């Protein structure tokens, strides 16, 4: 609103009167409030100034030499008329404004390079964002996860974890005292994950075993990004420095940017945290919690360094060799799952009679869902093993269980790394399923009934650790 003194033109031929009107101009809502209106005789400037001063108008503009007018106006504003002309009262719910957020006391700026192919990372899952490749919400989400994996081990229950996490990262009621800001960034080179060569044959980007979600649908090939860098600034109260230091260390060494980071996509290099070990960041007693933790897990570190791409392929080769356990390329799998499906679906190819009747699915420990594709006529159609639980409406809803295994290059420098495998400390699968309502492990096939699976079988993670140790000539360490 705007207040002012408006003097109208002389009234009548004798030029004896003037119109003086004080009013509020229309505010943002279009409401006009008239403060005062009167006609005064043009007898003397003092009389006009007295009228204007009573309504709070600073008449020193009209009478620059009159300090008394300014004093009288000041007294008027502090008096009864000022109380009457104040704005409407403040609603009770706004009487006590919220406390100002705690002022950040320390700040840290980190230069980060993306060393591996980035898949996803945009607002839409599985899609890159060319305009905002390094989203602050994504970085904050990674830091929250690795904070739980490091500092969250000191909490005994999920409710205690939520309370502690809200003090650092905020929740729906309290803003986080940790502030993240991208100071600058350089986007990577975006390209399709698969393309046709001169002969029309599809050529997939490597490693295909990791990038297959972007390559399996030839009608809609996904896009990936290579390279890129950014500078991020973190500001927080000094009391949160140990929490932030642990989360940043774990994220930059074991996490990444975008999707499929547990398979090495979006791996990062930051000179400040490269190839460091912070045992003091791993809190807790090593007992499995309802969330993954580093303390109590297992780590395998290779002894031979190589360039980043070669190291990444070496990591993925261990996983591919383990999951596709065959005597030779076109031989039958040595895992029990294919025969278990043949038995449960009551069908098999003439030369693929079941040899293993255990009806178990040990590879479920490496993450769900799992797709089983049979190529021989007579064998079952494609089956999917996944977790199914009841939602609030009572309908079955497919979930997913993230793999507890992290495979990625561990940075030594900006051009060399060593292979790393980390098995996070998690509860057994049957205890994880108990956290969901009516959750069960189900085998699904199109146009066929669902089959509950009650025996996941032996834990496959121990076998993967042993294979990595042998192929890498590595060292095994309990975290």
Protein backbone atom coordinates (compact mmCIF):
# COMPACT_ATOMS: atom_id res chain seq x y z
CA UNK A 1 0.00 0.00 0.00
CA UNK A 2 1.04 3.56 -0.60
CA UNK A 3 0.00 6.68 1.30
CA UNK A 4 0.28 10.21 -0.07
CA UNK A 5 -1.04 13.76 -0.06
CA UNK A 6 -2.83 14.81 -3.21
CA UNK A 7 -3.65 18.51 -3.73
CA UNK A 8 -6.37 19.13 -6.29
CA UNK A 9 -6.56 22.05 -8.72
CA UNK A 10 -7.84 25.46 -7.51
CA UNK A 11 -11.59 25.50 -7.00
CA UNK A 12 -13.72 28.34 -8.40
CA UNK A 13 -12.78 31.55 -10.17
CA UNK A 14 -11.51 33.20 -7.03
CA UNK A 15 -8.90 30.58 -6.48
CA UNK A 16 -9.83 30.44 -2.78
CA UNK A 17 -10.05 26.69 -1.97
CA UNK A 18 -8.02 23.50 -2.49
CA UNK A 19 -9.03 19.87 -2.15
CA UNK A 20 -6.83 17.81 0.13
CA UNK A 21 -7.31 14.03 0.08
CA UNK A 22 -5.28 11.38 1.92
CA UNK A 23 -5.80 7.79 0.87
CA UNK A 24 -4.22 4.36 0.50
CA UNK A 25 -3.53 3.34 -3.04
CA UNK A 26 -4.84 -0.14 -4.09
CA UNK A 27 -2.79 -2.91 -2.56
CA UNK A 28 -1.87 -6.30 -4.13
CA UNK A 29 -5.45 -7.54 -3.69
CA UNK A 30 -6.97 -4.42 -5.27
CA UNK A 31 -8.41 -3.09 -1.99
CA UNK A 32 -8.41 0.71 -1.52
CA UNK A 33 -8.69 2.09 2.00
CA UNK A 34 -9.47 5.81 2.41
CA UNK A 35 -7.67 7.26 5.38
CA UNK A 36 -8.99 10.81 5.34
CA UNK A 37 -10.64 13.35 3.08
CA UNK A 38 -11.29 17.03 3.64
CA UNK A 39 -11.51 20.41 1.96
CA UNK A 40 -9.49 23.18 3.45
CA UNK A 41 -9.34 26.89 2.71
CA UNK A 42 -6.17 28.12 1.14
CA UNK A 43 -5.65 30.60 3.96
CA UNK A 44 -2.14 29.74 5.09
CA UNK A 45 0.50 27.04 4.64
CA UNK A 46 0.52 26.41 8.39
CA UNK A 47 -3.12 25.39 8.40
CA UNK A 48 -2.60 22.95 5.53
CA UNK A 49 0.52 21.47 7.10
CA UNK A 50 -1.29 20.94 10.40
CA UNK A 51 -4.02 18.97 8.64
CA UNK A 52 -1.53 16.83 6.74
CA UNK A 53 0.64 16.15 9.80
CA UNK A 54 -2.35 14.85 11.78
CA UNK A 55 -2.77 12.12 9.19
CA UNK A 56 0.85 11.10 9.17
CA UNK A 57 2.01 12.67 5.95
CA UNK A 58 5.58 13.86 5.87
CA UNK A 59 5.04 17.42 4.81
CA UNK A 60 8.66 18.38 4.95
CA UNK A 61 8.55 17.97 1.17
CA UNK A 62 6.15 20.93 1.00
CA UNK A 63 7.85 22.90 3.80
CA UNK A 64 11.53 21.88 3.85
CA UNK A 65 12.39 24.37 6.57
CA UNK A 66 9.81 23.15 9.04
CA UNK A 67 11.46 20.76 11.55
CA UNK A 68 8.46 21.15 13.83
CA UNK A 69 6.24 19.41 11.28
CA UNK A 70 8.55 16.40 11.21
CA UNK A 71 8.57 16.22 15.00
CA UNK A 72 4.78 16.44 15.18
CA UNK A 73 4.48 13.71 12.57
CA UNK A 74 6.82 11.45 14.56
CA UNK A 75 4.76 12.00 17.70
CA UNK A 76 1.58 11.22 15.77
CA UNK A 77 2.98 7.89 14.53
CA UNK A 78 3.78 6.89 18.08
CA UNK A 79 0.37 7.93 19.38
CA UNK A 80 -3.25 6.91 19.22
CA UNK A 81 -3.78 7.64 15.53
CA UNK A 82 -0.93 5.30 14.59
CA UNK A 83 -2.48 2.46 16.60
CA UNK A 84 -5.79 2.95 14.80
CA UNK A 85 -4.25 2.93 11.34
CA UNK A 86 -2.14 -0.23 11.67
CA UNK A 87 -2.82 -3.21 9.46
CA UNK A 88 -5.19 -5.96 10.54
CA UNK A 89 -3.95 -8.10 13.48
CA UNK A 90 -1.65 -11.06 12.89
CA UNK A 91 -3.47 -14.44 12.96
CA UNK A 92 -2.74 -16.51 16.07
CA UNK A 93 -1.02 -19.27 14.12
CA UNK A 94 1.55 -16.73 12.89
CA UNK A 95 2.03 -14.98 16.21
CA UNK A 96 5.17 -16.99 16.96
CA UNK A 97 7.21 -17.33 13.73
CA UNK A 98 9.44 -20.39 13.36
CA UNK A 99 12.99 -20.13 14.57
CA UNK A 100 15.60 -19.13 12.05
CA UNK A 101 17.64 -22.09 10.73
CA UNK A 102 20.96 -22.64 12.38
CA UNK A 103 23.69 -20.68 10.68
CA UNK A 104 26.24 -22.81 8.84
CA UNK A 105 29.61 -22.58 10.50
CA UNK A 106 31.85 -24.58 8.15
CA UNK A 107 31.94 -25.15 4.42
CA UNK A 108 33.78 -27.55 2.14
CA UNK A 109 34.22 -27.39 -1.62
CA UNK A 110 35.02 -30.61 -3.52
CA UNK A 111 36.07 -31.11 -7.14
CA UNK A 112 34.62 -34.39 -8.41
CA UNK A 113 35.16 -36.19 -11.71
CA UNK A 114 32.93 -38.90 -13.18
CA UNK A 115 35.17 -41.78 -14.22
CA UNK A 116 32.66 -44.39 -15.44
CA UNK A 117 29.62 -44.36 -17.71
CA UNK A 118 26.59 -42.70 -16.13
CA UNK A 119 23.19 -44.31 -16.65
CA UNK A 120 20.11 -42.46 -15.47
CA UNK A 121 20.34 -39.83 -12.80
CA UNK A 122 17.60 -37.53 -14.08
CA UNK A 123 14.21 -36.80 -12.58
CA UNK A 124 12.83 -39.72 -14.62
CA UNK A 125 14.29 -43.11 -13.63
CA UNK A 126 16.68 -44.55 -16.19
CA UNK A 127 16.97 -41.29 -18.14
CA UNK A 128 19.76 -38.74 -18.23
CA UNK A 129 19.10 -35.04 -17.76
CA UNK A 130 21.10 -33.08 -20.31
CA UNK A 131 20.32 -29.73 -18.65
CA UNK A 132 20.92 -30.81 -15.05
CA UNK A 133 23.20 -33.88 -15.15
CA UNK A 134 24.28 -33.66 -11.50
CA UNK A 135 21.14 -33.02 -9.53
CA UNK A 136 21.50 -31.86 -5.92
CA UNK A 137 18.54 -34.05 -4.76
CA UNK A 138 20.32 -37.11 -6.21
CA UNK A 139 23.56 -36.23 -4.43
CA UNK A 140 21.66 -35.67 -1.19
CA UNK A 141 19.98 -39.08 -1.59
CA UNK A 142 23.34 -40.79 -2.02
CA UNK A 143 24.72 -39.03 1.04
CA UNK A 144 21.71 -40.09 3.11
CA UNK A 145 22.19 -43.74 2.12
CA UNK A 146 25.90 -43.79 2.92
CA UNK A 147 25.29 -41.90 6.17
CA UNK A 148 23.01 -44.76 7.23
CA UNK A 149 25.63 -47.29 6.15
CA UNK A 150 28.35 -45.62 8.24
CA UNK A 151 26.96 -43.57 11.13
CA UNK A 152 23.60 -45.31 11.21
CA UNK A 153 25.12 -48.43 12.75
CA UNK A 154 24.98 -46.78 16.19
CA UNK A 155 21.15 -46.87 16.10
CA UNK A 156 19.36 -49.92 17.47
CA UNK A 157 16.04 -49.57 15.61
CA UNK A 158 14.57 -47.99 12.51
CA UNK A 159 12.66 -45.43 14.59
CA UNK A 160 15.88 -44.31 16.30
CA UNK A 161 17.55 -44.12 12.89
CA UNK A 162 14.81 -41.85 11.59
CA UNK A 163 15.21 -39.48 14.52
CA UNK A 164 18.98 -39.30 14.14
CA UNK A 165 18.76 -38.95 10.38
CA UNK A 166 16.31 -36.05 10.65
CA UNK A 167 18.81 -34.11 12.78
CA UNK A 168 21.32 -34.26 9.93
CA UNK A 169 19.33 -34.52 6.72
CA UNK A 170 15.93 -33.22 7.80
CA UNK A 171 12.48 -34.70 7.23
CA UNK A 172 9.00 -33.51 6.25
CA UNK A 173 8.78 -31.32 9.36
CA UNK A 174 12.31 -30.02 9.90
CA UNK A 175 14.65 -28.61 7.27
CA UNK A 176 18.15 -30.02 7.04
CA UNK A 177 20.96 -27.84 8.41
CA UNK A 178 23.17 -29.30 5.65
CA UNK A 179 23.20 -27.15 2.52
CA UNK A 180 24.44 -28.43 -0.85
CA UNK A 181 25.16 -26.26 -3.85
CA UNK A 182 26.72 -26.92 -7.24
CA UNK A 183 29.23 -24.17 -7.91
CA UNK A 184 29.95 -25.32 -11.45
CA UNK A 185 29.66 -28.40 -13.62
CA UNK A 186 30.68 -29.73 -17.01
CA UNK A 187 28.34 -32.20 -18.66
CA UNK A 188 29.63 -35.43 -20.09
CA UNK A 189 29.20 -36.68 -23.64
CA UNK A 190 25.74 -38.17 -24.09
CA UNK A 191 25.18 -41.03 -26.53
CA UNK A 192 22.97 -44.06 -27.12
CA UNK A 193 23.81 -47.25 -25.25
CA UNK A 194 23.65 -49.25 -28.50
CA UNK A 195 23.87 -48.35 -32.17
CA UNK A 196 23.98 -50.03 -35.57
CA UNK A 197 27.26 -50.32 -37.46
CA UNK A 198 27.73 -49.92 -41.21
CA UNK A 199 26.40 -53.44 -41.78
CA UNK A 200 23.27 -52.86 -39.72
CA UNK A 201 24.45 -55.00 -36.80
CA UNK A 202 23.80 -53.83 -33.27
CA UNK A 203 26.90 -52.78 -31.32
CA UNK A 204 26.41 -52.45 -27.55
CA UNK A 205 28.44 -50.23 -25.28
CA UNK A 206 30.49 -52.09 -22.70
CA UNK A 207 30.11 -53.49 -20.16
CA UNK A 208 26.89 -55.00 -21.56
CA UNK A 209 26.34 -57.02 -18.40
CA UNK A 210 25.74 -53.75 -16.54
CA UNK A 211 24.14 -51.59 -19.24
CA UNK A 212 21.61 -54.16 -20.47
CA UNK A 213 18.59 -52.18 -19.08
CA UNK A 214 19.40 -49.46 -21.63
CA UNK A 215 20.04 -51.96 -24.44
CA UNK A 216 17.49 -54.76 -24.20
CA UNK A 217 14.64 -52.82 -25.84
CA UNK A 218 15.86 -52.24 -29.40
CA UNK A 219 12.83 -50.08 -30.13
CA UNK A 220 13.79 -47.64 -27.38
CA UNK A 221 17.51 -47.60 -26.78
CA UNK A 222 18.51 -45.80 -23.63
CA UNK A 223 21.08 -43.06 -23.40
CA UNK A 224 24.26 -42.96 -21.34
CA UNK A 225 26.79 -40.27 -20.53
CA UNK A 226 30.57 -40.48 -20.51
CA UNK A 227 32.75 -38.18 -18.45
CA UNK A 228 31.80 -34.93 -16.79
CA UNK A 229 32.80 -33.12 -13.63
CA UNK A 230 31.33 -30.85 -11.01
CA UNK A 231 32.24 -28.79 -7.97
CA UNK A 232 29.96 -29.14 -4.98
CA UNK A 233 29.92 -26.98 -1.87
CA UNK A 234 28.70 -28.40 1.45
CA UNK A 235 27.83 -26.07 4.34
CA UNK A 236 26.81 -27.31 7.77
CA UNK A 237 27.18 -26.65 11.51
CA UNK A 238 30.49 -27.70 12.96
CA UNK A 239 28.85 -30.35 15.15
CA UNK A 240 27.86 -32.30 12.00
CA UNK A 241 31.36 -32.48 10.52
CA UNK A 242 31.96 -36.14 11.57
CA UNK A 243 28.63 -37.20 10.05
CA UNK A 244 29.29 -35.38 6.78
CA UNK A 245 32.87 -36.58 6.57
CA UNK A 246 31.75 -40.21 6.88
CA UNK A 247 28.96 -39.84 4.31
CA UNK A 248 31.19 -38.04 1.80
CA UNK A 249 33.99 -40.57 2.20
CA UNK A 250 31.69 -43.55 1.64
CA UNK A 251 29.80 -41.93 -1.25
CA UNK A 252 32.90 -40.84 -3.19
CA UNK A 253 34.66 -44.19 -2.71
CA UNK A 254 31.80 -46.72 -2.87
CA UNK A 255 28.87 -44.86 -4.43
CA UNK A 256 28.41 -42.77 -7.54
CA UNK A 257 26.07 -40.69 -9.69
CA UNK A 258 22.95 -41.98 -11.43
CA UNK A 259 21.63 -45.54 -11.52
CA UNK A 260 23.32 -48.95 -11.12
CA UNK A 261 26.06 -47.47 -8.96
CA UNK A 262 26.45 -50.79 -7.12
CA UNK A 263 27.73 -52.20 -10.42
CA UNK A 264 30.19 -49.37 -10.95
CA UNK A 265 28.15 -46.96 -13.08
CA UNK A 266 28.81 -43.30 -12.33
CA UNK A 267 31.96 -44.06 -10.30
CA UNK A 268 33.61 -40.90 -8.95
CA UNK A 269 37.08 -39.57 -8.26
CA UNK A 270 37.80 -36.87 -5.70
CA UNK A 271 41.40 -36.22 -4.76
CA UNK A 272 40.43 -35.23 -1.21
CA UNK A 273 38.98 -38.68 -0.41
CA UNK A 274 40.67 -40.93 -2.99
CA UNK A 275 41.98 -44.26 -1.68
CA UNK A 276 41.49 -43.42 1.97
CA UNK A 277 40.17 -45.59 4.77
CA UNK A 278 38.24 -44.20 7.73
CA UNK A 279 37.66 -46.98 10.24
CA UNK A 280 36.41 -44.44 12.77
CA UNK A 281 33.43 -43.71 10.50
CA UNK A 282 32.04 -47.24 10.81
CA UNK A 283 29.90 -47.05 13.91
CA UNK A 284 27.92 -49.84 15.53
CA UNK A 285 28.53 -53.32 16.89
CA UNK A 286 28.50 -55.20 13.58
CA UNK A 287 25.08 -56.80 14.18
CA UNK A 288 22.74 -56.70 11.18
CA UNK A 289 20.18 -53.93 11.21
CA UNK A 290 17.01 -53.34 9.21
CA UNK A 291 19.12 -51.28 6.79
CA UNK A 292 22.48 -52.02 5.11
CA UNK A 293 25.60 -51.05 7.04
CA UNK A 294 29.32 -51.23 6.29
CA UNK A 295 30.31 -52.36 9.77
CA UNK A 296 29.92 -56.13 9.87
CA UNK A 297 30.24 -56.50 6.10
CA UNK A 298 33.06 -57.99 4.02
CA UNK A 299 35.48 -56.35 1.61
CA UNK A 300 37.67 -57.88 -1.11
CA UNK A 301 40.42 -55.66 -2.55
CA UNK A 302 42.44 -56.56 -5.62
CA UNK A 303 46.20 -56.16 -5.68
CA UNK A 304 46.74 -55.25 -9.34
CA UNK A 305 46.05 -51.70 -10.48
CA UNK A 306 44.97 -50.78 -13.98
CA UNK A 307 43.24 -47.99 -15.85
CA UNK A 308 39.65 -47.21 -14.87
CA UNK A 309 37.87 -48.93 -17.77
CA UNK A 310 39.96 -52.09 -17.52
CA UNK A 311 39.46 -52.20 -13.77
CA UNK A 312 35.69 -51.82 -14.17
CA UNK A 313 35.55 -54.66 -16.69
CA UNK A 314 37.59 -56.80 -14.31
CA UNK A 315 35.03 -56.17 -11.57
CA UNK A 316 32.05 -57.04 -13.77
CA UNK A 317 33.80 -60.12 -15.17
CA UNK A 318 33.81 -61.62 -11.68
CA UNK A 319 30.06 -61.16 -11.34
CA UNK A 320 29.31 -62.47 -14.83
CA UNK A 321 31.52 -65.53 -14.36
CA UNK A 322 29.87 -66.28 -11.03
CA UNK A 323 26.25 -65.85 -12.11
CA UNK A 324 26.66 -67.68 -15.41
CA UNK A 325 28.35 -70.74 -13.99
CA UNK A 326 28.70 -73.17 -16.94
CA UNK A 327 31.17 -75.82 -17.99
CA UNK A 328 31.46 -74.09 -21.37
CA UNK A 329 29.69 -71.31 -23.27
CA UNK A 330 26.66 -73.26 -24.55
CA UNK A 331 26.41 -75.74 -21.69
CA UNK A 332 23.58 -75.88 -19.15
CA UNK A 333 23.84 -73.72 -16.06
CA UNK A 334 25.28 -75.32 -12.95
CA UNK A 335 22.91 -73.28 -10.79
CA UNK A 336 19.78 -75.04 -9.47
CA UNK A 337 17.27 -72.33 -10.52
CA UNK A 338 16.63 -73.52 -14.14
CA UNK A 339 15.89 -77.08 -13.01
CA UNK A 340 13.77 -75.77 -10.14
CA UNK A 341 11.62 -73.85 -12.61
CA UNK A 342 11.33 -76.89 -14.88
CA UNK A 343 10.10 -78.95 -11.94
CA UNK A 344 7.66 -76.31 -10.67
CA UNK A 345 6.26 -75.64 -14.17
CA UNK A 346 6.10 -79.34 -15.02
CA UNK A 347 7.77 -78.97 -18.38
CA UNK A 348 11.24 -79.28 -19.90
CA UNK A 349 12.97 -79.83 -23.23
CA UNK A 350 13.66 -83.48 -24.20
CA UNK A 351 17.39 -83.10 -23.61
CA UNK A 352 17.01 -80.86 -20.53
CA UNK A 353 15.58 -83.19 -17.94
CA UNK A 354 16.09 -81.76 -14.40
CA UNK A 355 19.27 -82.87 -12.71
CA UNK A 356 18.84 -80.87 -9.49
CA UNK A 357 15.62 -81.44 -7.56
CA UNK A 358 16.37 -79.06 -4.66
CA UNK A 359 13.85 -76.43 -5.91
CA UNK A 360 16.00 -73.61 -4.55
CA UNK A 361 16.95 -70.14 -5.81
CA UNK A 362 20.27 -69.15 -4.20
CA UNK A 363 21.00 -66.24 -6.56
CA UNK A 364 18.08 -64.35 -5.06
CA UNK A 365 20.57 -63.20 -2.41
CA UNK A 366 22.26 -61.06 -5.09
CA UNK A 367 19.18 -58.91 -5.64
CA UNK A 368 15.66 -59.16 -7.07
CA UNK A 369 13.95 -59.36 -9.49
CA UNK A 370 15.70 -62.03 -11.58
CA UNK A 371 14.61 -62.95 -15.13
CA UNK A 372 15.07 -66.55 -16.30
CA UNK A 373 14.97 -66.89 -20.08
CA UNK A 374 14.88 -70.35 -21.66
CA UNK A 375 15.94 -70.70 -25.30
CA UNK A 376 15.19 -74.36 -26.01
CA UNK A 377 11.78 -75.46 -27.27
CA UNK A 378 9.91 -77.42 -24.63
CA UNK A 379 11.39 -75.53 -21.70
CA UNK A 380 9.20 -73.06 -19.75
CA UNK A 381 8.57 -69.53 -20.99
CA UNK A 382 10.35 -66.62 -19.38
CA UNK A 383 9.91 -66.57 -15.60
CA UNK A 384 10.53 -63.78 -13.11
CA UNK A 385 11.51 -64.30 -9.49
CA UNK A 386 10.53 -61.40 -7.30
CA UNK A 387 9.07 -60.29 -3.97
CA UNK A 388 5.31 -59.70 -3.89
CA UNK A 389 3.59 -57.94 -0.98
CA UNK A 390 0.13 -56.54 -0.21
CA UNK A 391 -0.35 -52.80 -0.55
CA UNK A 392 -2.81 -50.64 1.44
CA UNK A 393 -5.65 -51.55 -0.93
CA UNK A 394 -5.05 -55.27 -0.48
CA UNK A 395 -3.60 -55.71 -3.98
CA UNK A 396 -0.42 -57.63 -4.75
CA UNK A 397 2.46 -55.31 -5.55
CA UNK A 398 5.87 -56.31 -6.91
CA UNK A 399 8.82 -54.96 -4.93
CA UNK A 400 12.53 -55.24 -5.42
CA UNK A 401 15.44 -56.10 -3.18
CA UNK A 402 18.64 -54.20 -3.90
CA UNK A 403 21.80 -56.24 -4.11
CA UNK A 404 23.99 -56.03 -0.99
CA UNK A 405 27.07 -56.41 -3.22
CA UNK A 406 28.99 -53.35 -4.45
CA UNK A 407 31.42 -53.92 -7.34
CA UNK A 408 33.42 -50.97 -8.62
CA UNK A 409 36.87 -49.55 -9.26
CA UNK A 410 38.48 -48.08 -6.16
CA UNK A 411 40.38 -44.94 -7.11
CA UNK A 412 44.12 -44.73 -6.64
CA UNK A 413 44.50 -41.70 -8.89
CA UNK A 414 42.57 -40.00 -11.67
CA UNK A 415 43.78 -42.64 -14.16
CA UNK A 416 44.32 -45.82 -12.11
CA UNK A 417 42.18 -47.96 -9.81
CA UNK A 418 42.03 -51.40 -8.20
CA UNK A 419 39.01 -53.75 -8.18
CA UNK A 420 36.82 -53.64 -5.09
CA UNK A 421 33.96 -55.80 -3.81
CA UNK A 422 31.97 -54.89 -0.72
CA UNK A 423 29.25 -57.09 0.75
CA UNK A 424 27.09 -54.85 2.92
CA UNK A 425 25.90 -56.16 6.26
CA UNK A 426 22.21 -57.02 5.80
CA UNK A 427 19.73 -59.38 7.40
CA UNK A 428 18.93 -62.76 5.83
CA UNK A 429 16.25 -62.71 3.15
CA UNK A 430 13.51 -64.29 5.25
CA UNK A 431 14.00 -61.55 7.88
CA UNK A 432 13.91 -58.84 5.21
CA UNK A 433 10.63 -60.22 3.85
CA UNK A 434 9.13 -60.14 7.34
CA UNK A 435 9.36 -56.33 7.26
CA UNK A 436 6.66 -56.19 4.55
CA UNK A 437 3.00 -57.10 4.89
CA UNK A 438 2.31 -60.61 3.58
CA UNK A 439 5.55 -60.53 1.57
CA UNK A 440 6.60 -63.69 -0.21
CA UNK A 441 9.01 -64.86 -2.86
CA UNK A 442 7.04 -65.64 -6.02
CA UNK A 443 7.84 -67.17 -9.40
CA UNK A 444 5.79 -65.50 -12.15
CA UNK A 445 5.14 -66.48 -15.74
CA UNK A 446 2.79 -64.87 -18.24
CA UNK A 447 -0.49 -66.74 -18.67
CA UNK A 448 0.38 -69.07 -15.79
CA UNK A 449 -0.37 -69.06 -12.04
CA UNK A 450 2.12 -67.63 -9.56
CA UNK A 451 4.16 -70.15 -7.61
CA UNK A 452 5.39 -69.22 -4.10
CA UNK A 453 9.00 -70.16 -3.42
CA UNK A 454 9.71 -71.13 0.17
CA UNK A 455 13.34 -72.20 -0.10
CA UNK A 456 15.73 -69.50 -1.38
CA UNK A 457 18.62 -71.93 -0.82
CA UNK A 458 22.23 -71.35 0.16
CA UNK A 459 23.65 -67.85 0.34
CA UNK A 460 25.48 -67.14 -2.89
CA UNK A 461 27.39 -64.13 -1.59
CA UNK A 462 30.07 -66.22 0.13
CA UNK A 463 30.84 -67.96 -3.16
CA UNK A 464 31.15 -64.62 -4.97
CA UNK A 465 33.60 -63.37 -2.34
CA UNK A 466 35.77 -66.44 -2.75
CA UNK A 467 35.77 -66.14 -6.54
CA UNK A 468 36.78 -62.47 -6.41
CA UNK A 469 39.57 -63.29 -3.99
CA UNK A 470 40.96 -65.97 -6.31
CA UNK A 471 40.64 -64.08 -9.60
CA UNK A 472 42.02 -60.82 -8.24
CA UNK A 473 44.65 -62.42 -5.99
CA UNK A 474 42.98 -60.15 -3.50
CA UNK A 475 42.71 -59.71 0.22
CA UNK A 476 39.56 -60.28 2.26
CA UNK A 477 38.84 -57.98 5.17
CA UNK A 478 35.97 -57.96 7.64
CA UNK A 479 34.63 -54.47 8.13
